[in-house]
C-alpha atoms as a PDB file:
ATOM      1  CA  MET A   1    -122.021 140.301-191.326  1.00  0.00           C
ATOM      2  CA  VAL A   2    -123.453 139.890-194.784  1.00  0.00           C
ATOM      3  CA  CYS A   3    -124.250 143.398-195.987  1.00  0.00           C
ATOM      4  CA  ASN A   4    -123.020 146.973-195.783  1.00  0.00           C
ATOM      5  CA  ARG A   5    -125.872 147.937-193.427  1.00  0.00           C
ATOM      6  CA  CYS A   6    -124.673 145.232-191.027  1.00  0.00           C
ATOM      7  CA  ILE A   7    -121.164 146.654-191.133  1.00  0.00           C
ATOM      8  CA  LYS A   8    -122.406 150.204-190.476  1.00  0.00           C
ATOM      9  CA  ALA A   9    -124.573 149.089-187.546  1.00  0.00           C
ATOM     10  CA  ILE A  10    -121.732 147.173-185.909  1.00  0.00           C
ATOM     11  CA  GLN A  11    -119.252 149.969-186.618  1.00  0.00           C
ATOM     12  CA  ARG A  12    -121.575 152.542-185.023  1.00  0.00           C
ATOM     13  CA  ASP A  13    -122.142 150.421-181.905  1.00  0.00           C
ATOM     14  CA  VAL A  14    -118.429 149.658-181.463  1.00  0.00           C
ATOM     15  CA  GLU A  15    -117.446 153.304-181.889  1.00  0.00           C
ATOM     16  CA  ILE A  16    -120.070 154.364-179.313  1.00  0.00           C
ATOM     17  CA  LEU A  17    -118.136 152.241-176.797  1.00  0.00           C
ATOM     18  CA  GLY A  18    -114.956 154.092-177.767  1.00  0.00           C
ATOM     19  CA  ILE A  19    -113.260 151.040-179.263  1.00  0.00           C
ATOM     20  CA  GLN A  20    -110.930 151.996-182.106  1.00  0.00           C
ATOM     21  CA  LEU A  21    -111.603 149.944-185.249  1.00  0.00           C
ATOM     22  CA  LYS A  22    -108.636 149.351-187.546  1.00  0.00           C
ATOM     23  CA  HIS A  23    -110.615 147.512-190.208  1.00  0.00           C
ATOM     24  CA  ILE A  24    -114.140 146.185-190.663  1.00  0.00           C
ATOM     25  CA  GLN A  25    -115.501 144.247-193.649  1.00  0.00           C
ATOM     26  CA  LEU A  26    -117.899 141.432-194.390  1.00  0.00           C
ATOM     27  CA  GLY A  27    -117.176 138.765-191.775  1.00  0.00           C
ATOM     28  CA  SER A  28    -114.162 140.443-190.164  1.00  0.00           C
ATOM     29  CA  ILE A  29    -113.369 143.024-187.495  1.00  0.00           C
ATOM     30  CA  ILE A  30    -109.885 144.178-186.537  1.00  0.00           C
ATOM     31  CA  TYR A  31    -109.686 146.520-183.587  1.00  0.00           C
ATOM     32  CA  GLU A  32    -107.145 148.080-181.267  1.00  0.00           C
ATOM     33  CA  GLU A  33    -107.468 146.329-177.943  1.00  0.00           C
ATOM     34  CA  ARG A  34    -106.989 148.787-175.097  1.00  0.00           C
ATOM     35  CA  SER A  35    -108.673 146.809-172.343  1.00  0.00           C
ATOM     36  CA  LYS A  36    -109.511 143.203-171.555  1.00  0.00           C
ATOM     37  CA  ASP A  37    -113.197 144.099-171.797  1.00  0.00           C
ATOM     38  CA  ASP A  38    -113.011 145.171-175.472  1.00  0.00           C
ATOM     39  CA  PHE A  39    -113.397 141.628-176.795  1.00  0.00           C
ATOM     40  CA  ASN A  40    -116.402 140.898-174.575  1.00  0.00           C
ATOM     41  CA  ASN A  41    -117.988 144.239-175.469  1.00  0.00           C
ATOM     42  CA  ILE A  42    -117.614 143.546-179.194  1.00  0.00           C
ATOM     43  CA  LYS A  43    -118.948 140.023-178.689  1.00  0.00           C
ATOM     44  CA  THR A  44    -122.005 141.459-176.906  1.00  0.00           C
ATOM     45  CA  ILE A  45    -122.587 143.983-179.701  1.00  0.00           C
ATOM     46  CA  LEU A  46    -122.389 141.249-182.318  1.00  0.00           C
ATOM     47  CA  GLU A  47    -124.741 138.945-180.409  1.00  0.00           C
ATOM     48  CA  ASN A  48    -127.237 141.775-179.824  1.00  0.00           C
ATOM     49  CA  ASN A  49    -127.280 142.340-183.586  1.00  0.00           C
ATOM     50  CA  GLY A  50    -127.804 138.640-184.361  1.00  0.00           C
ATOM     51  CA  PHE A  51    -124.190 137.728-185.160  1.00  0.00           C
ATOM     52  CA  GLU A  52    -121.676 135.442-183.550  1.00  0.00           C
ATOM     53  CA  ILE A  53    -117.915 135.353-183.270  1.00  0.00           C
ATOM     54  CA  LEU A  54    -116.385 132.510-185.213  1.00  0.00           C
ATOM     55  CA  LEU A  55    -113.198 131.316-183.606  1.00  0.00           C
ATOM     56  CA  ALA A  56    -113.034 127.801-185.059  1.00  0.00           C
ATOM     57  CA  GLN A  57    -111.100 127.595-188.308  1.00  0.00           C
ATOM     58  CA  ASP A  58    -113.832 125.571-190.055  1.00  0.00           C
ATOM     59  CA  GLN A  59    -116.481 128.125-189.103  1.00  0.00           C
ATOM     60  CA  GLN A  60    -114.289 130.920-190.431  1.00  0.00           C
ATOM     61  CA  LEU A  61    -113.838 129.047-193.710  1.00  0.00           C
ATOM     62  CA  VAL A  62    -117.594 128.515-194.072  1.00  0.00           C
ATOM     63  CA  GLU A  63    -118.213 132.208-193.432  1.00  0.00           C
ATOM     64  CA  GLN A  64    -115.560 133.150-195.994  1.00  0.00           C
ATOM     65  CA  ILE A  65    -117.199 130.880-198.587  1.00  0.00           C
ATOM     66  CA  LYS A  66    -120.547 132.565-197.963  1.00  0.00           C
ATOM     67  CA  ILE A  67    -118.967 136.003-198.281  1.00  0.00           C
ATOM     68  CA  GLU A  68    -117.279 135.063-201.576  1.00  0.00           C
ATOM     69  CA  LEU A  69    -120.577 133.769-202.978  1.00  0.00           C
ATOM     70  CA  ILE A  70    -122.461 136.895-201.906  1.00  0.00           C
ATOM     71  CA  LYS A  71    -119.758 139.103-203.440  1.00  0.00           C
ATOM     72  CA  LEU A  72    -120.027 137.095-206.655  1.00  0.00           C
ATOM     73  CA  LEU A  73    -123.774 137.770-206.843  1.00  0.00           C
ATOM     74  CA  GLN A  74    -123.302 141.489-206.315  1.00  0.00           C
ATOM     75  CA  LYS A  75    -121.598 141.781-209.702  1.00  0.00           C
ATOM     76  CA  LEU A  76    -124.286 141.361-212.350  1.00  0.00           C
ATOM     77  CA  PRO A  77    -124.333 140.067-214.942  1.00  0.00           C
ATOM     78  CA  LEU A  78    -122.972 136.972-213.278  1.00  0.00           C
ATOM     79  CA  GLN A  79    -120.123 135.752-215.434  1.00  0.00           C
ATOM     80  CA  LEU A  80    -118.356 132.716-214.125  1.00  0.00           C
ATOM     81  CA  GLU A  81    -115.528 132.092-216.539  1.00  0.00           C
ATOM     82  CA  LYS A  82    -115.099 128.700-214.920  1.00  0.00           C
ATOM     83  CA  THR A  83    -117.145 126.435-212.696  1.00  0.00           C
ATOM     84  CA  LEU A  84    -118.174 127.538-209.232  1.00  0.00           C
ATOM     85  CA  SER A  85    -115.750 125.012-207.755  1.00  0.00           C
ATOM     86  CA  LYS A  86    -112.823 126.442-209.767  1.00  0.00           C
ATOM     87  CA  TYR A  87    -113.888 129.976-208.858  1.00  0.00           C
ATOM     88  CA  LEU A  88    -113.842 129.172-205.122  1.00  0.00           C
ATOM     89  CA  GLU A  89    -110.554 127.289-205.406  1.00  0.00           C
ATOM     90  CA  SER A  90    -108.897 130.259-207.070  1.00  0.00           C
ATOM     91  CA  THR A  91    -110.331 132.941-204.790  1.00  0.00           C
ATOM     92  CA  MET A  92    -109.680 131.020-201.582  1.00  0.00           C
ATOM     93  CA  SER A  93    -106.503 129.141-202.563  1.00  0.00           C
ATOM     94  CA  ILE A  94    -107.824 125.892-201.081  1.00  0.00           C
ATOM     95  CA  GLU A  95    -108.732 122.674-202.887  1.00  0.00           C
ATOM     96  CA  TYR A  96    -112.450 122.515-203.611  1.00  0.00           C
ATOM     97  CA  SER A  97    -112.813 119.022-202.159  1.00  0.00           C
ATOM     98  CA  LYS A  98    -111.716 120.363-198.754  1.00  0.00           C
ATOM     99  CA  ILE A  99    -113.903 123.463-199.047  1.00  0.00           C
ATOM    100  CA  SER A 100    -116.890 121.366-200.052  1.00  0.00           C
ATOM    101  CA  LYS A 101    -116.529 118.814-197.246  1.00  0.00           C
ATOM    102  CA  ILE A 102    -116.149 121.460-194.538  1.00  0.00           C
ATOM    103  CA  PHE A 103    -119.059 123.526-195.868  1.00  0.00           C
ATOM    104  CA  SER A 104    -121.407 120.548-196.216  1.00  0.00           C
ATOM    105  CA  PHE A 105    -120.515 119.210-192.772  1.00  0.00           C
ATOM    106  CA  ASN A 106    -121.059 122.561-191.033  1.00  0.00           C
ATOM    107  CA  GLU A 107    -124.098 123.760-192.982  1.00  0.00           C
ATOM    108  CA  SER A 108    -125.859 120.465-193.868  1.00  0.00           C
ATOM    109  CA  ILE A 109    -126.163 121.675-197.474  1.00  0.00           C
ATOM    110  CA  THR A 110    -123.818 121.573-200.440  1.00  0.00           C
ATOM    111  CA  ILE A 111    -122.158 124.735-201.710  1.00  0.00           C
ATOM    112  CA  GLU A 112    -124.014 124.364-205.009  1.00  0.00           C
ATOM    113  CA  LYS A 113    -127.423 124.151-203.321  1.00  0.00           C
ATOM    114  CA  TYR A 114    -126.543 127.079-201.076  1.00  0.00           C
ATOM    115  CA  PHE A 115    -125.536 129.120-204.137  1.00  0.00           C
ATOM    116  CA  ILE A 116    -128.832 128.254-205.842  1.00  0.00           C
ATOM    117  CA  LYS A 117    -130.686 129.529-202.768  1.00  0.00           C
ATOM    118  CA  LEU A 118    -128.658 132.752-202.887  1.00  0.00           C
ATOM    119  CA  LYS A 119    -129.433 133.153-206.576  1.00  0.00           C
ATOM    120  CA  ILE A 120    -133.158 132.612-205.932  1.00  0.00           C
ATOM    121  CA  GLU A 121    -133.078 135.431-203.375  1.00  0.00           C
ATOM    122  CA  LYS A 122    -131.375 137.608-205.981  1.00  0.00           C
ATOM    123  CA  VAL A 123    -134.135 136.685-208.474  1.00  0.00           C
ATOM    124  CA  LYS A 124    -136.741 137.804-205.930  1.00  0.00           C
ATOM    125  CA  GLU A 125    -134.901 141.096-205.493  1.00  0.00           C
ATOM    126  CA  LEU A 126    -134.706 141.648-209.252  1.00  0.00           C
ATOM    127  CA  ILE A 127    -138.395 140.814-209.707  1.00  0.00           C
ATOM    128  CA  GLN A 128    -139.334 143.354-207.050  1.00  0.00           C
ATOM    129  CA  LEU A 129    -137.195 146.031-208.697  1.00  0.00           C
ATOM    130  CA  GLN A 130    -139.273 145.526-211.885  1.00  0.00           C
ATOM    131  CA  GLU A 131    -136.390 146.636-214.102  1.00  0.00           C
ATOM    132  CA  ASN A 132    -135.918 143.357-215.976  1.00  0.00           C
ATOM    133  CA  ASN A 133    -138.186 140.713-217.462  1.00  0.00           C
ATOM    134  CA  PHE A 134    -137.743 137.033-216.587  1.00  0.00           C
ATOM    135  CA  THR A 135    -135.548 136.309-219.603  1.00  0.00           C
ATOM    136  CA  GLU A 136    -133.227 139.190-218.725  1.00  0.00           C
ATOM    137  CA  ILE A 137    -133.080 138.051-215.094  1.00  0.00           C
ATOM    138  CA  SER A 138    -132.156 134.527-216.186  1.00  0.00           C
ATOM    139  CA  GLN A 139    -129.388 135.960-218.372  1.00  0.00           C
ATOM    140  CA  LEU A 140    -128.107 138.241-215.592  1.00  0.00           C
ATOM    141  CA  LEU A 141    -127.757 135.224-213.306  1.00  0.00           C
ATOM    142  CA  ASP A 142    -126.148 133.047-215.989  1.00  0.00           C
ATOM    143  CA  TYR A 143    -128.954 130.515-216.390  1.00  0.00           C
ATOM    144  CA  SER A 144    -128.996 128.675-219.702  1.00  0.00           C
ATOM    145  CA  ASN A 145    -132.607 129.730-220.282  1.00  0.00           C
ATOM    146  CA  VAL A 146    -135.650 131.114-218.488  1.00  0.00           C
ATOM    147  CA  ASN A 147    -137.205 127.628-218.211  1.00  0.00           C
ATOM    148  CA  HIS A 148    -134.258 126.411-216.147  1.00  0.00           C
ATOM    149  CA  LEU A 149    -134.589 129.407-213.828  1.00  0.00           C
ATOM    150  CA  SER A 150    -138.344 128.922-213.638  1.00  0.00           C
ATOM    151  CA  ARG A 151    -138.019 125.255-212.583  1.00  0.00           C
ATOM    152  CA  LEU A 152    -135.440 126.080-209.896  1.00  0.00           C
ATOM    153  CA  PHE A 153    -137.514 128.991-208.628  1.00  0.00           C
ATOM    154  CA  LYS A 154    -140.641 126.827-208.367  1.00  0.00           C
ATOM    155  CA  ASN A 155    -138.688 124.061-206.578  1.00  0.00           C
ATOM    156  CA  GLU A 156    -137.269 126.495-204.028  1.00  0.00           C
ATOM    157  CA  THR A 157    -140.274 128.736-203.408  1.00  0.00           C
ATOM    158  CA  GLY A 158    -143.296 126.654-204.410  1.00  0.00           C
ATOM    159  CA  MET A 159    -144.369 129.497-206.712  1.00  0.00           C
ATOM    160  CA  SER A 160    -143.832 130.266-210.349  1.00  0.00           C
ATOM    161  CA  LEU A 161    -141.981 133.439-211.289  1.00  0.00           C
ATOM    162  CA  THR A 162    -145.269 135.017-212.389  1.00  0.00           C
ATOM    163  CA  GLU A 163    -147.059 134.027-209.182  1.00  0.00           C
ATOM    164  CA  TYR A 164    -144.267 135.604-207.161  1.00  0.00           C
ATOM    165  CA  LYS A 165    -144.310 138.755-209.281  1.00  0.00           C
ATOM    166  CA  ASN A 166    -148.094 139.099-208.976  1.00  0.00           C
ATOM    167  CA  SER A 167    -148.185 138.456-205.230  1.00  0.00           C
ATOM    168  CA  GLN A 168    -148.253 141.625-203.191  1.00  0.00           C
ATOM    169  CA  LYS A 169    -145.999 140.102-200.536  1.00  0.00           C
ATOM    170  CA  SER A 170    -142.266 140.497-200.249  1.00  0.00           C
ATOM    171  CA  ILE A 171    -141.323 136.927-199.406  1.00  0.00           C
ATOM    172  CA  ARG A 172    -137.584 137.244-199.181  1.00  0.00           C
ATOM    173  CA  ASN A 173    -135.078 135.666-196.831  1.00  0.00           C
ATOM    174  CA  ALA A 174    -132.186 137.499-195.230  1.00  0.00           C
ATOM    175  CA  LEU A 175    -128.933 136.237-196.717  1.00  0.00           C
ATOM    176  CA  ASP A 176    -127.612 135.233-193.311  1.00  0.00           C
ATOM    177  CA  GLN A 177    -130.719 133.067-192.735  1.00  0.00           C
ATOM    178  CA  ILE A 178    -130.276 130.908-195.839  1.00  0.00           C
ATOM    179  CA  ARG A 179    -129.649 127.265-195.004  1.00  0.00           C
END
């Protein structure tokens, strides 16, 4: 689950079945198991909503990394007081080399490239809101200058910032579909 709407949808469906939730947050559900069928019912609900249960430790770690990166982007302006690697090490209490290897192996993309893709989706969102100009957007997302953002945006989307802004299409990717 990568957004609050996802959480609400899952919560609603689980409660309809009469399963008592103790806690639900991005990437995690804790429930009171009253019958052997509760787990399978929750699994079905998740699968019907496009999610999967992650039981393997590596998969859980990858999901936690994604959640931490999404949370980081929700707080604008983005202000990393240290590098992304140091940020993840401190928030997850695991050496970055281990985090990086597991993430890259499971996702076939580095954490840095994944974070760039997340930031590009945030740029698209900010452009569509029309509250900030390109320079302000680059500053909100902690880019050194608008040219740097512009190059990355063009590399990822094939369009310039202006072309994207002027297009009448909303060409955005769901955060859980970024690879």
